[in-house]
Amino acid sequence: MRPNTVAKFAATLLLPLALAPAFAADSTVELAKARKCFSCHKTSTPSYGPSFQQIARRYHGMANADTMLADEIKTGTDPHWIVNKHWGTTDMPPSVLRAPVTDEEAKQLATWVLSHNK
């Protein structure tokens, strides 16, 4: 192969790898929409629930933040927050009152939410 052909061939192979993070983010946004996350949460401003940025800031620097947040996404606010509310006057409803989320989806959503730490 000529050098120019090799470069084009390499670019063709590497382009999908370079774009993969953007596609992953897009698919997570679609997942968040499908699971109705945007019914209570917005990206940067509080709504019924805290914004994704507020959540990311709260969990920033915590050991196992992704696991803790994935668990809360999957099950709702831990019952120990009932007396002392986790986010002011609102709680994440239990899973029986929301669109079902698998363990893998909860991990994917948690990673995505935590990426909003700006």
Protein backbone atom coordinates (compact mmCIF):
# COMPACT_ATOMS: atom_id res chain seq x y z
CA MET A 1 0.00 0.00 0.00
CA ARG A 2 1.05 3.55 -0.64
CA PRO A 3 1.59 5.79 2.43
CA ASN A 4 -1.52 7.88 1.68
CA THR A 5 -3.64 4.73 1.35
CA VAL A 6 -2.27 3.40 4.64
CA ALA A 7 -3.17 6.66 6.40
CA LYS A 8 -6.72 6.57 5.03
CA PHE A 9 -7.08 2.93 5.99
CA ALA A 10 -5.83 3.63 9.53
CA ALA A 11 -8.16 6.62 9.87
CA THR A 12 -11.09 4.46 8.78
CA LEU A 13 -10.27 1.93 11.47
CA LEU A 14 -9.65 4.49 14.22
CA LEU A 15 -12.59 6.82 13.59
CA PRO A 16 -15.16 4.57 15.26
CA LEU A 17 -12.92 4.30 18.32
CA ALA A 18 -12.57 8.07 18.52
CA LEU A 19 -16.33 8.56 18.28
CA ALA A 20 -17.27 5.79 20.73
CA PRO A 21 -17.45 8.07 23.82
CA ALA A 22 -19.87 10.41 22.04
CA PHE A 23 -22.08 7.51 20.99
CA ALA A 24 -21.97 6.09 24.53
CA ALA A 25 -23.05 9.46 25.98
CA ASP A 26 -25.85 9.72 23.42
CA SER A 27 -27.08 6.23 24.27
CA THR A 28 -27.02 7.06 27.99
CA VAL A 29 -29.08 10.21 27.38
CA GLU A 30 -31.56 8.06 25.47
CA LEU A 31 -31.58 5.58 28.37
CA ALA A 32 -32.20 8.42 30.85
CA LYS A 33 -35.09 9.62 28.70
CA ALA A 34 -36.52 6.10 28.41
CA ARG A 35 -36.34 5.62 32.18
CA LYS A 36 -38.01 9.00 32.74
CA CYS A 37 -35.04 10.50 34.65
CA PHE A 38 -35.76 13.88 33.05
CA SER A 39 -39.22 13.90 34.63
CA CYS A 40 -37.61 14.92 37.92
CA HIS A 41 -34.04 15.92 37.01
CA LYS A 42 -32.48 18.45 34.66
CA THR A 43 -28.84 18.79 33.65
CA SER A 44 -27.86 22.01 35.41
CA THR A 45 -30.90 23.43 37.19
CA PRO A 46 -32.90 21.91 40.03
CA SER A 47 -36.37 20.69 39.17
CA TYR A 48 -38.50 18.40 41.29
CA GLY A 49 -35.25 16.60 42.07
CA PRO A 50 -31.68 17.89 42.14
CA SER A 51 -29.88 18.59 38.87
CA PHE A 52 -27.39 16.07 37.56
CA GLN A 53 -24.66 18.64 38.28
CA GLN A 54 -25.76 18.94 41.92
CA ILE A 55 -25.75 15.16 42.30
CA ALA A 56 -22.29 14.90 40.72
CA ARG A 57 -20.96 17.62 43.05
CA ARG A 58 -22.43 15.92 46.11
CA TYR A 59 -20.80 12.59 45.25
CA HIS A 60 -17.51 14.10 44.01
CA GLY A 61 -14.49 12.62 45.75
CA MET A 62 -16.48 9.98 47.64
CA ALA A 63 -15.10 6.46 47.63
CA ASN A 64 -17.44 4.14 45.74
CA ALA A 65 -19.58 7.06 44.53
CA ASP A 66 -20.51 5.20 41.36
CA THR A 67 -21.69 2.16 43.33
CA MET A 68 -23.64 4.23 45.87
CA LEU A 69 -25.33 6.30 43.18
CA ALA A 70 -26.11 3.23 41.03
CA ASP A 71 -27.75 1.65 44.07
CA GLU A 72 -29.85 4.75 44.70
CA ILE A 73 -30.85 4.89 41.02
CA LYS A 74 -31.88 1.23 41.18
CA THR A 75 -33.73 1.21 44.51
CA GLY A 76 -34.61 4.83 45.34
CA THR A 77 -33.60 6.83 48.39
CA ASP A 78 -32.38 4.65 51.23
CA PRO A 79 -35.03 4.43 53.99
CA HIS A 80 -32.67 5.95 56.56
CA TRP A 81 -33.17 9.29 54.78
CA ILE A 82 -36.91 9.36 55.61
CA VAL A 83 -36.36 11.22 58.88
CA ASN A 84 -33.50 13.37 57.59
CA LYS A 85 -34.20 14.06 53.90
CA HIS A 86 -31.28 13.47 51.53
CA TRP A 87 -32.18 16.30 49.12
CA GLY A 88 -34.23 18.78 51.12
CA THR A 89 -37.89 17.87 50.95
CA THR A 90 -37.77 15.25 48.19
CA ASP A 91 -36.70 11.65 47.95
CA MET A 92 -35.99 9.43 44.99
CA PRO A 93 -39.09 7.24 44.80
CA PRO A 94 -38.68 3.51 45.36
CA SER A 95 -38.17 1.37 42.30
CA VAL A 96 -41.75 0.06 42.35
CA LEU A 97 -42.97 3.60 41.59
CA ARG A 98 -40.60 4.26 38.66
CA ALA A 99 -39.58 2.78 35.33
CA PRO A 100 -37.54 -0.36 36.09
CA VAL A 101 -33.76 -0.03 35.83
CA THR A 102 -31.42 -3.02 35.56
CA ASP A 103 -28.15 -3.21 37.49
CA GLU A 104 -26.18 -2.53 34.30
CA GLU A 105 -28.39 0.46 33.39
CA ALA A 106 -28.04 1.86 36.91
CA LYS A 107 -24.23 1.67 36.62
CA GLN A 108 -24.32 3.32 33.20
CA LEU A 109 -26.61 6.11 34.42
CA ALA A 110 -24.54 6.65 37.58
CA THR A 111 -21.32 7.02 35.57
CA TRP A 112 -23.07 9.47 33.26
CA VAL A 113 -24.53 11.54 36.12
CA LEU A 114 -21.16 11.68 37.88
CA SER A 115 -19.60 13.03 34.67
CA HIS A 116 -21.64 16.24 35.19
CA ASN A 117 -19.29 17.49 37.95
CA LYS A 118 -18.65 20.99 36.56
